[in-house]
Amino acid sequence: MPKGHSALAEYFLGTSEADPNSGPDQAATIAADSAGQVMLTLRHPLAADQAEVFWETSIDLETWEPTDRWPAPTSSLSGGTETLYWQPNSPENSSRFYRLRFRLR
């Protein structure tokens, strides 16, 4: 993770500010299919169980809203890592920005 991320984000993602090469596979991805259906994906170590992550969305980068109307993420486990997948129920009707937020459980 580049410098500037919170300690909580570093913990959840399993990265280290002291090692800029740590956690290269932990980057969030955002993809859309041809119908505009968005899929957000994030990998993190299972050991980081004292924190949780959620997405927020904005159309102007000033006003942010939780994506709480989305279904809960699905997940898959592999080698001590959990991959989370979020997908809204319907395609977004406008261009949007997304950001990750972290909090302690």
PDB file of N, CA and C in Angstrom:
ATOM      1  N   MET A   1       0.855  -1.174   0.000  1.00  0.00           N
ATOM      2  CA  MET A   1       0.000   0.000   0.000  1.00  0.00           C
ATOM      3  C   MET A   1       0.896   1.231   0.000  1.00  0.00           C
ATOM      4  N   PRO A   2       0.524   2.242  -0.764  1.00  0.00           N
ATOM      5  CA  PRO A   2       1.283   3.473  -0.725  1.00  0.00           C
ATOM      6  C   PRO A   2       1.155   4.135   0.641  1.00  0.00           C
ATOM      7  N   LYS A   3       2.135   4.964   0.978  1.00  0.00           N
ATOM      8  CA  LYS A   3       2.067   5.696   2.235  1.00  0.00           C
ATOM      9  C   LYS A   3       0.797   6.530   2.269  1.00  0.00           C
ATOM     10  N   GLY A   4       0.320   6.771   3.476  1.00  0.00           N
ATOM     11  CA  GLY A   4      -0.860   7.607   3.618  1.00  0.00           C
ATOM     12  C   GLY A   4      -2.110   6.834   3.974  1.00  0.00           C
ATOM     13  N   HIS A   5      -2.066   5.517   3.915  1.00  0.00           N
ATOM     14  CA  HIS A   5      -3.231   4.731   4.301  1.00  0.00           C
ATOM     15  C   HIS A   5      -3.267   4.611   5.820  1.00  0.00           C
ATOM     16  N   SER A   6      -4.435   4.529   6.345  1.00  0.00           N
ATOM     17  CA  SER A   6      -4.588   4.422   7.793  1.00  0.00           C
ATOM     18  C   SER A   6      -4.039   3.092   8.298  1.00  0.00           C
ATOM     19  N   ALA A   7      -3.689   3.083   9.576  1.00  0.00           N
ATOM     20  CA  ALA A   7      -3.232   1.848  10.197  1.00  0.00           C
ATOM     21  C   ALA A   7      -4.316   0.783  10.130  1.00  0.00           C
ATOM     22  N   LEU A   8      -5.564   1.190  10.240  1.00  0.00           N
ATOM     23  CA  LEU A   8      -6.671   0.239  10.168  1.00  0.00           C
ATOM     24  C   LEU A   8      -6.755  -0.396   8.775  1.00  0.00           C
ATOM     25  N   ALA A   9      -6.569   0.405   7.727  1.00  0.00           N
ATOM     26  CA  ALA A   9      -6.564  -0.142   6.363  1.00  0.00           C
ATOM     27  C   ALA A   9      -5.391  -1.095   6.176  1.00  0.00           C
ATOM     28  N   GLU A  10      -4.217  -0.722   6.679  1.00  0.00           N
ATOM     29  CA  GLU A  10      -3.040  -1.592   6.590  1.00  0.00           C
ATOM     30  C   GLU A  10      -3.322  -2.924   7.283  1.00  0.00           C
ATOM     31  N   TYR A  11      -3.919  -2.863   8.470  1.00  0.00           N
ATOM     32  CA  TYR A  11      -4.249  -4.080   9.224  1.00  0.00           C
ATOM     33  C   TYR A  11      -5.206  -4.961   8.430  1.00  0.00           C
ATOM     34  N   PHE A  12      -6.306  -4.383   7.963  1.00  0.00           N
ATOM     35  CA  PHE A  12      -7.329  -5.168   7.270  1.00  0.00           C
ATOM     36  C   PHE A  12      -6.780  -5.805   5.995  1.00  0.00           C
ATOM     37  N   LEU A  13      -5.964  -5.058   5.268  1.00  0.00           N
ATOM     38  CA  LEU A  13      -5.449  -5.549   3.993  1.00  0.00           C
ATOM     39  C   LEU A  13      -4.205  -6.412   4.138  1.00  0.00           C
ATOM     40  N   GLY A  14      -3.621  -6.436   5.339  1.00  0.00           N
ATOM     41  CA  GLY A  14      -2.434  -7.249   5.551  1.00  0.00           C
ATOM     42  C   GLY A  14      -1.191  -6.664   4.912  1.00  0.00           C
ATOM     43  N   THR A  15      -1.135  -5.348   4.823  1.00  0.00           N
ATOM     44  CA  THR A  15       0.014  -4.680   4.229  1.00  0.00           C
ATOM     45  C   THR A  15       0.826  -3.991   5.317  1.00  0.00           C
ATOM     46  N   SER A  16       1.960  -3.438   4.943  1.00  0.00           N
ATOM     47  CA  SER A  16       2.825  -2.741   5.887  1.00  0.00           C
ATOM     48  C   SER A  16       3.359  -1.473   5.240  1.00  0.00           C
ATOM     49  N   GLU A  17       3.219  -0.364   5.929  1.00  0.00           N
ATOM     50  CA  GLU A  17       3.756   0.895   5.405  1.00  0.00           C
ATOM     51  C   GLU A  17       5.271   0.820   5.270  1.00  0.00           C
ATOM     52  N   ALA A  18       5.905   0.016   6.119  1.00  0.00           N
ATOM     53  CA  ALA A  18       7.361  -0.125   6.075  1.00  0.00           C
ATOM     54  C   ALA A  18       7.828  -0.918   4.854  1.00  0.00           C
ATOM     55  N   ASP A  19       6.928  -1.677   4.235  1.00  0.00           N
ATOM     56  CA  ASP A  19       7.273  -2.493   3.074  1.00  0.00           C
ATOM     57  C   ASP A  19       6.333  -2.156   1.927  1.00  0.00           C
ATOM     58  N   PRO A  20       6.767  -1.294   1.008  1.00  0.00           N
ATOM     59  CA  PRO A  20       5.876  -0.874  -0.089  1.00  0.00           C
ATOM     60  C   PRO A  20       5.472  -2.003  -1.029  1.00  0.00           C
ATOM     61  N   ASN A  21       6.172  -3.146  -0.964  1.00  0.00           N
ATOM     62  CA  ASN A  21       5.821  -4.289  -1.808  1.00  0.00           C
ATOM     63  C   ASN A  21       4.889  -5.268  -1.125  1.00  0.00           C
ATOM     64  N   SER A  22       4.468  -4.970   0.099  1.00  0.00           N
ATOM     65  CA  SER A  22       3.594  -5.898   0.813  1.00  0.00           C
ATOM     66  C   SER A  22       2.171  -5.812   0.275  1.00  0.00           C
ATOM     67  N   GLY A  23       1.543  -6.961   0.163  1.00  0.00           N
ATOM     68  CA  GLY A  23       0.139  -7.015  -0.216  1.00  0.00           C
ATOM     69  C   GLY A  23      -0.214  -6.571  -1.616  1.00  0.00           C
ATOM     70  N   PRO A  24       0.611  -6.889  -2.642  1.00  0.00           N
ATOM     71  CA  PRO A  24       0.253  -6.410  -3.984  1.00  0.00           C
ATOM     72  C   PRO A  24      -1.058  -6.971  -4.500  1.00  0.00           C
ATOM     73  N   ASP A  25      -1.495  -8.112  -3.958  1.00  0.00           N
ATOM     74  CA  ASP A  25      -2.749  -8.718  -4.409  1.00  0.00           C
ATOM     75  C   ASP A  25      -3.955  -8.206  -3.625  1.00  0.00           C
ATOM     76  N   GLN A  26      -3.743  -7.272  -2.722  1.00  0.00           N
ATOM     77  CA  GLN A  26      -4.823  -6.808  -1.870  1.00  0.00           C
ATOM     78  C   GLN A  26      -5.563  -5.599  -2.451  1.00  0.00           C
ATOM     79  N   ALA A  27      -5.204  -5.148  -3.609  1.00  0.00           N
ATOM     80  CA  ALA A  27      -5.866  -3.987  -4.196  1.00  0.00           C
ATOM     81  C   ALA A  27      -7.321  -4.310  -4.540  1.00  0.00           C
ATOM     82  N   ALA A  28      -8.187  -3.374  -4.276  1.00  0.00           N
ATOM     83  CA  ALA A  28      -9.593  -3.526  -4.652  1.00  0.00           C
ATOM     84  C   ALA A  28      -9.718  -3.399  -6.163  1.00  0.00           C
ATOM     85  N   THR A  29     -10.661  -4.126  -6.722  1.00  0.00           N
ATOM     86  CA  THR A  29     -10.931  -3.990  -8.149  1.00  0.00           C
ATOM     87  C   THR A  29     -12.391  -3.627  -8.355  1.00  0.00           C
ATOM     88  N   ILE A  30     -12.628  -2.845  -9.379  1.00  0.00           N
ATOM     89  CA  ILE A  30     -13.976  -2.450  -9.766  1.00  0.00           C
ATOM     90  C   ILE A  30     -14.098  -2.733 -11.255  1.00  0.00           C
ATOM     91  N   ALA A  31     -15.088  -3.510 -11.624  1.00  0.00           N
ATOM     92  CA  ALA A  31     -15.287  -3.847 -13.025  1.00  0.00           C
ATOM     93  C   ALA A  31     -16.771  -3.733 -13.350  1.00  0.00           C
ATOM     94  N   ALA A  32     -17.066  -3.456 -14.605  1.00  0.00           N
ATOM     95  CA  ALA A  32     -18.454  -3.392 -15.067  1.00  0.00           C
ATOM     96  C   ALA A  32     -18.584  -4.207 -16.339  1.00  0.00           C
ATOM     97  N   ASP A  33     -19.704  -4.907 -16.460  1.00  0.00           N
ATOM     98  CA  ASP A  33     -19.927  -5.661 -17.683  1.00  0.00           C
ATOM     99  C   ASP A  33     -20.585  -4.755 -18.720  1.00  0.00           C
ATOM    100  N   SER A  34     -20.887  -5.297 -19.884  1.00  0.00           N
ATOM    101  CA  SER A  34     -21.440  -4.482 -20.972  1.00  0.00           C
ATOM    102  C   SER A  34     -22.812  -3.903 -20.642  1.00  0.00           C
ATOM    103  N   ALA A  35     -23.519  -4.496 -19.668  1.00  0.00           N
ATOM    104  CA  ALA A  35     -24.835  -3.980 -19.268  1.00  0.00           C
ATOM    105  C   ALA A  35     -24.711  -2.920 -18.160  1.00  0.00           C
ATOM    106  N   GLY A  36     -23.477  -2.641 -17.732  1.00  0.00           N
ATOM    107  CA  GLY A  36     -23.281  -1.643 -16.686  1.00  0.00           C
ATOM    108  C   GLY A  36     -23.338  -2.204 -15.280  1.00  0.00           C
ATOM    109  N   GLN A  37     -23.419  -3.520 -15.145  1.00  0.00           N
ATOM    110  CA  GLN A  37     -23.462  -4.143 -13.825  1.00  0.00           C
ATOM    111  C   GLN A  37     -22.080  -4.073 -13.190  1.00  0.00           C
ATOM    112  N   VAL A  38     -21.992  -3.478 -12.014  1.00  0.00           N
ATOM    113  CA  VAL A  38     -20.719  -3.273 -11.324  1.00  0.00           C
ATOM    114  C   VAL A  38     -20.426  -4.438 -10.388  1.00  0.00           C
ATOM    115  N   MET A  39     -19.158  -4.860 -10.335  1.00  0.00           N
ATOM    116  CA  MET A  39     -18.695  -5.859  -9.379  1.00  0.00           C
ATOM    117  C   MET A  39     -17.462  -5.279  -8.700  1.00  0.00           C
ATOM    118  N   LEU A  40     -17.491  -5.226  -7.367  1.00  0.00           N
ATOM    119  CA  LEU A  40     -16.363  -4.751  -6.582  1.00  0.00           C
ATOM    120  C   LEU A  40     -15.775  -5.941  -5.845  1.00  0.00           C
ATOM    121  N   THR A  41     -14.455  -6.067  -5.871  1.00  0.00           N
ATOM    122  CA  THR A  41     -13.773  -7.217  -5.294  1.00  0.00           C
ATOM    123  C   THR A  41     -12.615  -6.743  -4.420  1.00  0.00           C
ATOM    124  N   LEU A  42     -12.415  -7.423  -3.293  1.00  0.00           N
ATOM    125  CA  LEU A  42     -11.318  -7.089  -2.383  1.00  0.00           C
ATOM    126  C   LEU A  42     -10.838  -8.346  -1.684  1.00  0.00           C
ATOM    127  N   ARG A  43      -9.513  -8.533  -1.614  1.00  0.00           N
ATOM    128  CA  ARG A  43      -8.908  -9.663  -0.906  1.00  0.00           C
ATOM    129  C   ARG A  43      -8.289  -9.157   0.387  1.00  0.00           C
ATOM    130  N   HIS A  44      -8.360  -9.974   1.435  1.00  0.00           N
ATOM    131  CA  HIS A  44      -7.707  -9.623   2.698  1.00  0.00           C
ATOM    132  C   HIS A  44      -7.434 -10.885   3.501  1.00  0.00           C
ATOM    133  N   PRO A  45      -6.435 -10.832   4.403  1.00  0.00           N
ATOM    134  CA  PRO A  45      -6.137 -12.006   5.219  1.00  0.00           C
ATOM    135  C   PRO A  45      -7.234 -12.268   6.243  1.00  0.00           C
ATOM    136  N   LEU A  46      -7.568 -13.524   6.430  1.00  0.00           N
ATOM    137  CA  LEU A  46      -8.592 -13.901   7.411  1.00  0.00           C
ATOM    138  C   LEU A  46      -8.209 -13.490   8.827  1.00  0.00           C
ATOM    139  N   ALA A  47      -6.919 -13.420   9.113  1.00  0.00           N
ATOM    140  CA  ALA A  47      -6.460 -13.065  10.458  1.00  0.00           C
ATOM    141  C   ALA A  47      -6.864 -11.642  10.849  1.00  0.00           C
ATOM    142  N   ALA A  48      -7.187 -10.801   9.889  1.00  0.00           N
ATOM    143  CA  ALA A  48      -7.590  -9.420  10.174  1.00  0.00           C
ATOM    144  C   ALA A  48      -9.081  -9.375  10.491  1.00  0.00           C
ATOM    145  N   ASP A  49      -9.466 -10.045  11.575  1.00  0.00           N
ATOM    146  CA  ASP A  49     -10.882 -10.200  11.882  1.00  0.00           C
ATOM    147  C   ASP A  49     -11.430  -9.177  12.875  1.00  0.00           C
ATOM    148  N   GLN A  50     -10.620  -8.208  13.268  1.00  0.00           N
ATOM    149  CA  GLN A  50     -11.091  -7.177  14.193  1.00  0.00           C
ATOM    150  C   GLN A  50     -11.537  -5.915  13.464  1.00  0.00           C
ATOM    151  N   ALA A  51     -11.552  -5.967  12.142  1.00  0.00           N
ATOM    152  CA  ALA A  51     -11.968  -4.815  11.340  1.00  0.00           C
ATOM    153  C   ALA A  51     -12.907  -5.295  10.246  1.00  0.00           C
ATOM    154  N   GLU A  52     -13.618  -4.364   9.675  1.00  0.00           N
ATOM    155  CA  GLU A  52     -14.491  -4.665   8.543  1.00  0.00           C
ATOM    156  C   GLU A  52     -14.390  -3.534   7.536  1.00  0.00           C
ATOM    157  N   VAL A  53     -14.828  -3.810   6.354  1.00  0.00           N
ATOM    158  CA  VAL A  53     -14.737  -2.846   5.275  1.00  0.00           C
ATOM    159  C   VAL A  53     -16.115  -2.656   4.670  1.00  0.00           C
ATOM    160  N   PHE A  54     -16.358  -1.459   4.174  1.00  0.00           N
ATOM    161  CA  PHE A  54     -17.590  -1.207   3.427  1.00  0.00           C
ATOM    162  C   PHE A  54     -17.294  -0.168   2.361  1.00  0.00           C
ATOM    163  N   TRP A  55     -18.158  -0.135   1.374  1.00  0.00           N
ATOM    164  CA  TRP A  55     -18.005   0.793   0.252  1.00  0.00           C
ATOM    165  C   TRP A  55     -18.909   1.994   0.445  1.00  0.00           C
ATOM    166  N   GLU A  56     -18.461   3.116  -0.081  1.00  0.00           N
ATOM    167  CA  GLU A  56     -19.298   4.307  -0.195  1.00  0.00           C
ATOM    168  C   GLU A  56     -19.253   4.742  -1.653  1.00  0.00           C
ATOM    169  N   THR A  57     -20.268   5.473  -2.068  1.00  0.00           N
ATOM    170  CA  THR A  57     -20.359   5.904  -3.460  1.00  0.00           C
ATOM    171  C   THR A  57     -20.725   7.386  -3.528  1.00  0.00           C
ATOM    172  N   SER A  58     -20.308   8.019  -4.615  1.00  0.00           N
ATOM    173  CA  SER A  58     -20.558   9.446  -4.807  1.00  0.00           C
ATOM    174  C   SER A  58     -20.668   9.736  -6.292  1.00  0.00           C
ATOM    175  N   ILE A  59     -21.412  10.773  -6.630  1.00  0.00           N
ATOM    176  CA  ILE A  59     -21.447  11.216  -8.020  1.00  0.00           C
ATOM    177  C   ILE A  59     -20.583  12.459  -8.223  1.00  0.00           C
ATOM    178  N   ASP A  60     -20.139  13.089  -7.110  1.00  0.00           N
ATOM    179  CA  ASP A  60     -19.387  14.345  -7.225  1.00  0.00           C
ATOM    180  C   ASP A  60     -18.104  14.417  -6.391  1.00  0.00           C
ATOM    181  N   LEU A  61     -17.735  13.354  -5.715  1.00  0.00           N
ATOM    182  CA  LEU A  61     -16.569  13.284  -4.833  1.00  0.00           C
ATOM    183  C   LEU A  61     -16.674  14.190  -3.605  1.00  0.00           C
ATOM    184  N   GLU A  62     -17.822  14.787  -3.376  1.00  0.00           N
ATOM    185  CA  GLU A  62     -18.030  15.618  -2.192  1.00  0.00           C
ATOM    186  C   GLU A  62     -19.013  14.979  -1.222  1.00  0.00           C
ATOM    187  N   THR A  63     -20.114  14.468  -1.736  1.00  0.00           N
ATOM    188  CA  THR A  63     -21.138  13.839  -0.918  1.00  0.00           C
ATOM    189  C   THR A  63     -21.043  12.334  -1.101  1.00  0.00           C
ATOM    190  N   TRP A  64     -20.772  11.625   0.006  1.00  0.00           N
ATOM    191  CA  TRP A  64     -20.600  10.172  -0.034  1.00  0.00           C
ATOM    192  C   TRP A  64     -21.759   9.494   0.665  1.00  0.00           C
ATOM    193  N   GLU A  65     -22.212   8.395   0.089  1.00  0.00           N
ATOM    194  CA  GLU A  65     -23.325   7.623   0.640  1.00  0.00           C
ATOM    195  C   GLU A  65     -22.896   6.172   0.829  1.00  0.00           C
ATOM    196  N   PRO A  66     -23.371   5.534   1.889  1.00  0.00           N
ATOM    197  CA  PRO A  66     -23.082   4.101   2.024  1.00  0.00           C
ATOM    198  C   PRO A  66     -23.827   3.317   0.945  1.00  0.00           C
ATOM    199  N   THR A  67     -23.311   2.178   0.616  1.00  0.00           N
ATOM    200  CA  THR A  67     -23.959   1.317  -0.381  1.00  0.00           C
ATOM    201  C   THR A  67     -24.814   0.278   0.339  1.00  0.00           C
ATOM    202  N   ASP A  68     -25.497   0.708   1.397  1.00  0.00           N
ATOM    203  CA  ASP A  68     -26.245  -0.235   2.232  1.00  0.00           C
ATOM    204  C   ASP A  68     -27.457  -0.850   1.552  1.00  0.00           C
ATOM    205  N   ARG A  69     -27.862  -0.350   0.420  1.00  0.00           N
ATOM    206  CA  ARG A  69     -28.972  -0.996  -0.299  1.00  0.00           C
ATOM    207  C   ARG A  69     -28.477  -2.168  -1.148  1.00  0.00           C
ATOM    208  N   TRP A  70     -27.167  -2.331  -1.234  1.00  0.00           N
ATOM    209  CA  TRP A  70     -26.598  -3.480  -1.933  1.00  0.00           C
ATOM    210  C   TRP A  70     -26.748  -4.717  -1.074  1.00  0.00           C
ATOM    211  N   PRO A  71     -26.813  -5.884  -1.691  1.00  0.00           N
ATOM    212  CA  PRO A  71     -26.805  -7.122  -0.908  1.00  0.00           C
ATOM    213  C   PRO A  71     -25.468  -7.263  -0.172  1.00  0.00           C
ATOM    214  N   ALA A  72     -25.450  -8.045   0.888  1.00  0.00           N
ATOM    215  CA  ALA A  72     -24.203  -8.330   1.598  1.00  0.00           C
ATOM    216  C   ALA A  72     -23.225  -8.993   0.625  1.00  0.00           C
ATOM    217  N   PRO A  73     -21.929  -8.795   0.835  1.00  0.00           N
ATOM    218  CA  PRO A  73     -20.982  -9.404  -0.097  1.00  0.00           C
ATOM    219  C   PRO A  73     -20.974 -10.929   0.020  1.00  0.00           C
ATOM    220  N   THR A  74     -20.658 -11.563  -1.078  1.00  0.00           N
ATOM    221  CA  THR A  74     -20.377 -12.990  -1.049  1.00  0.00           C
ATOM    222  C   THR A  74     -18.869 -13.123  -0.859  1.00  0.00           C
ATOM    223  N   SER A  75     -18.406 -14.303  -0.492  1.00  0.00           N
ATOM    224  CA  SER A  75     -16.972 -14.448  -0.279  1.00  0.00           C
ATOM    225  C   SER A  75     -16.503 -15.832  -0.658  1.00  0.00           C
ATOM    226  N   SER A  76     -15.200 -15.928  -0.865  1.00  0.00           N
ATOM    227  CA  SER A  76     -14.560 -17.225  -1.071  1.00  0.00           C
ATOM    228  C   SER A  76     -13.275 -17.231  -0.253  1.00  0.00           C
ATOM    229  N   LEU A  77     -12.868 -18.415   0.199  1.00  0.00           N
ATOM    230  CA  LEU A  77     -11.693 -18.571   1.040  1.00  0.00           C
ATOM    231  C   LEU A  77     -10.640 -19.396   0.314  1.00  0.00           C
ATOM    232  N   SER A  78      -9.376 -18.984   0.476  1.00  0.00           N
ATOM    233  CA  SER A  78      -8.284 -19.742  -0.123  1.00  0.00           C
ATOM    234  C   SER A  78      -6.981 -19.377   0.585  1.00  0.00           C
ATOM    235  N   GLY A  79      -6.336 -20.362   1.172  1.00  0.00           N
ATOM    236  CA  GLY A  79      -5.020 -20.163   1.760  1.00  0.00           C
ATOM    237  C   GLY A  79      -4.927 -19.046   2.775  1.00  0.00           C
ATOM    238  N   GLY A  80      -5.899 -18.908   3.650  1.00  0.00           N
ATOM    239  CA  GLY A  80      -5.850 -17.877   4.673  1.00  0.00           C
ATOM    240  C   GLY A  80      -6.263 -16.500   4.197  1.00  0.00           C
ATOM    241  N   THR A  81      -6.804 -16.431   2.997  1.00  0.00           N
ATOM    242  CA  THR A  81      -7.247 -15.163   2.420  1.00  0.00           C
ATOM    243  C   THR A  81      -8.724 -15.253   2.071  1.00  0.00           C
ATOM    244  N   GLU A  82      -9.431 -14.192   2.357  1.00  0.00           N
ATOM    245  CA  GLU A  82     -10.846 -14.098   1.972  1.00  0.00           C
ATOM    246  C   GLU A  82     -10.963 -13.102   0.829  1.00  0.00           C
ATOM    247  N   THR A  83     -11.723 -13.477  -0.183  1.00  0.00           N
ATOM    248  CA  THR A  83     -12.037 -12.560  -1.272  1.00  0.00           C
ATOM    249  C   THR A  83     -13.508 -12.206  -1.149  1.00  0.00           C
ATOM    250  N   LEU A  84     -13.784 -10.916  -1.047  1.00  0.00           N
ATOM    251  CA  LEU A  84     -15.154 -10.416  -0.922  1.00  0.00           C
ATOM    252  C   LEU A  84     -15.619  -9.871  -2.264  1.00  0.00           C
ATOM    253  N   TYR A  85     -16.878 -10.135  -2.593  1.00  0.00           N
ATOM    254  CA  TYR A  85     -17.475  -9.686  -3.855  1.00  0.00           C
ATOM    255  C   TYR A  85     -18.771  -8.934  -3.551  1.00  0.00           C
ATOM    256  N   TRP A  86     -18.851  -7.692  -3.986  1.00  0.00           N
ATOM    257  CA  TRP A  86     -20.078  -6.913  -3.853  1.00  0.00           C
ATOM    258  C   TRP A  86     -20.643  -6.667  -5.244  1.00  0.00           C
ATOM    259  N   GLN A  87     -21.952  -6.787  -5.365  1.00  0.00           N
ATOM    260  CA  GLN A  87     -22.601  -6.491  -6.638  1.00  0.00           C
ATOM    261  C   GLN A  87     -23.982  -5.917  -6.358  1.00  0.00           C
ATOM    262  N   PRO A  88     -24.232  -4.699  -6.846  1.00  0.00           N
ATOM    263  CA  PRO A  88     -25.565  -4.113  -6.646  1.00  0.00           C
ATOM    264  C   PRO A  88     -26.632  -4.953  -7.321  1.00  0.00           C
ATOM    265  N   ASN A  89     -27.874  -4.764  -6.883  1.00  0.00           N
ATOM    266  CA  ASN A  89     -28.994  -5.509  -7.463  1.00  0.00           C
ATOM    267  C   ASN A  89     -29.271  -5.119  -8.904  1.00  0.00           C
ATOM    268  N   SER A  90     -28.984  -3.884  -9.256  1.00  0.00           N
ATOM    269  CA  SER A  90     -29.266  -3.416 -10.610  1.00  0.00           C
ATOM    270  C   SER A  90     -28.126  -2.508 -11.062  1.00  0.00           C
ATOM    271  N   PRO A  91     -27.994  -2.322 -12.372  1.00  0.00           N
ATOM    272  CA  PRO A  91     -26.933  -1.446 -12.868  1.00  0.00           C
ATOM    273  C   PRO A  91     -27.092  -0.021 -12.329  1.00  0.00           C
ATOM    274  N   GLU A  92     -25.959   0.635 -12.086  1.00  0.00           N
ATOM    275  CA  GLU A  92     -25.994   2.035 -11.653  1.00  0.00           C
ATOM    276  C   GLU A  92     -26.517   2.872 -12.820  1.00  0.00           C
ATOM    277  N   ASN A  93     -27.295   3.907 -12.496  1.00  0.00           N
ATOM    278  CA  ASN A  93     -27.900   4.712 -13.562  1.00  0.00           C
ATOM    279  C   ASN A  93     -27.088   5.958 -13.894  1.00  0.00           C
ATOM    280  N   SER A  94     -25.904   6.114 -13.310  1.00  0.00           N
ATOM    281  CA  SER A  94     -25.060   7.258 -13.625  1.00  0.00           C
ATOM    282  C   SER A  94     -23.611   6.902 -13.327  1.00  0.00           C
ATOM    283  N   SER A  95     -22.710   7.735 -13.801  1.00  0.00           N
ATOM    284  CA  SER A  95     -21.301   7.545 -13.472  1.00  0.00           C
ATOM    285  C   SER A  95     -21.129   7.757 -11.983  1.00  0.00           C
ATOM    286  N   ARG A  96     -20.339   6.899 -11.345  1.00  0.00           N
ATOM    287  CA  ARG A  96     -20.177   6.965  -9.898  1.00  0.00           C
ATOM    288  C   ARG A  96     -18.721   6.770  -9.527  1.00  0.00           C
ATOM    289  N   PHE A  97     -18.378   7.274  -8.365  1.00  0.00           N
ATOM    290  CA  PHE A  97     -17.085   7.037  -7.747  1.00  0.00           C
ATOM    291  C   PHE A  97     -17.318   6.122  -6.559  1.00  0.00           C
ATOM    292  N   TYR A  98     -16.308   5.310  -6.230  1.00  0.00           N
ATOM    293  CA  TYR A  98     -16.410   4.404  -5.090  1.00  0.00           C
ATOM    294  C   TYR A  98     -15.176   4.565  -4.216  1.00  0.00           C
ATOM    295  N   ARG A  99     -15.347   4.384  -2.915  1.00  0.00           N
ATOM    296  CA  ARG A  99     -14.209   4.366  -2.010  1.00  0.00           C
ATOM    297  C   ARG A  99     -14.467   3.345  -0.910  1.00  0.00           C
ATOM    298  N   LEU A 100     -13.369   2.833  -0.369  1.00  0.00           N
ATOM    299  CA  LEU A 100     -13.435   1.886   0.737  1.00  0.00           C
ATOM    300  C   LEU A 100     -13.361   2.634   2.056  1.00  0.00           C
ATOM    301  N   ARG A 101     -14.121   2.157   3.040  1.00  0.00           N
ATOM    302  CA  ARG A 101     -14.060   2.678   4.409  1.00  0.00           C
ATOM    303  C   ARG A 101     -13.817   1.493   5.323  1.00  0.00           C
ATOM    304  N   PHE A 102     -13.014   1.712   6.331  1.00  0.00           N
ATOM    305  CA  PHE A 102     -12.663   0.651   7.279  1.00  0.00           C
ATOM    306  C   PHE A 102     -13.132   1.068   8.663  1.00  0.00           C
ATOM    307  N   ARG A 103     -13.530   0.094   9.482  1.00  0.00           N
ATOM    308  CA  ARG A 103     -13.888   0.381  10.878  1.00  0.00           C
ATOM    309  C   ARG A 103     -13.638  -0.868  11.712  1.00  0.00           C
ATOM    310  N   LEU A 104     -13.427  -0.629  13.003  1.00  0.00           N
ATOM    311  CA  LEU A 104     -13.259  -1.738  13.922  1.00  0.00           C
ATOM    312  C   LEU A 104     -14.593  -2.403  14.165  1.00  0.00           C
ATOM    313  N   ARG A 105     -14.572  -3.699  14.397  1.00  0.00           N
ATOM    314  CA  ARG A 105     -15.808  -4.417  14.725  1.00  0.00           C
ATOM    315  C   ARG A 105     -16.203  -4.132  16.151  1.00  0.00           C
TER     316      ARG A 105
END
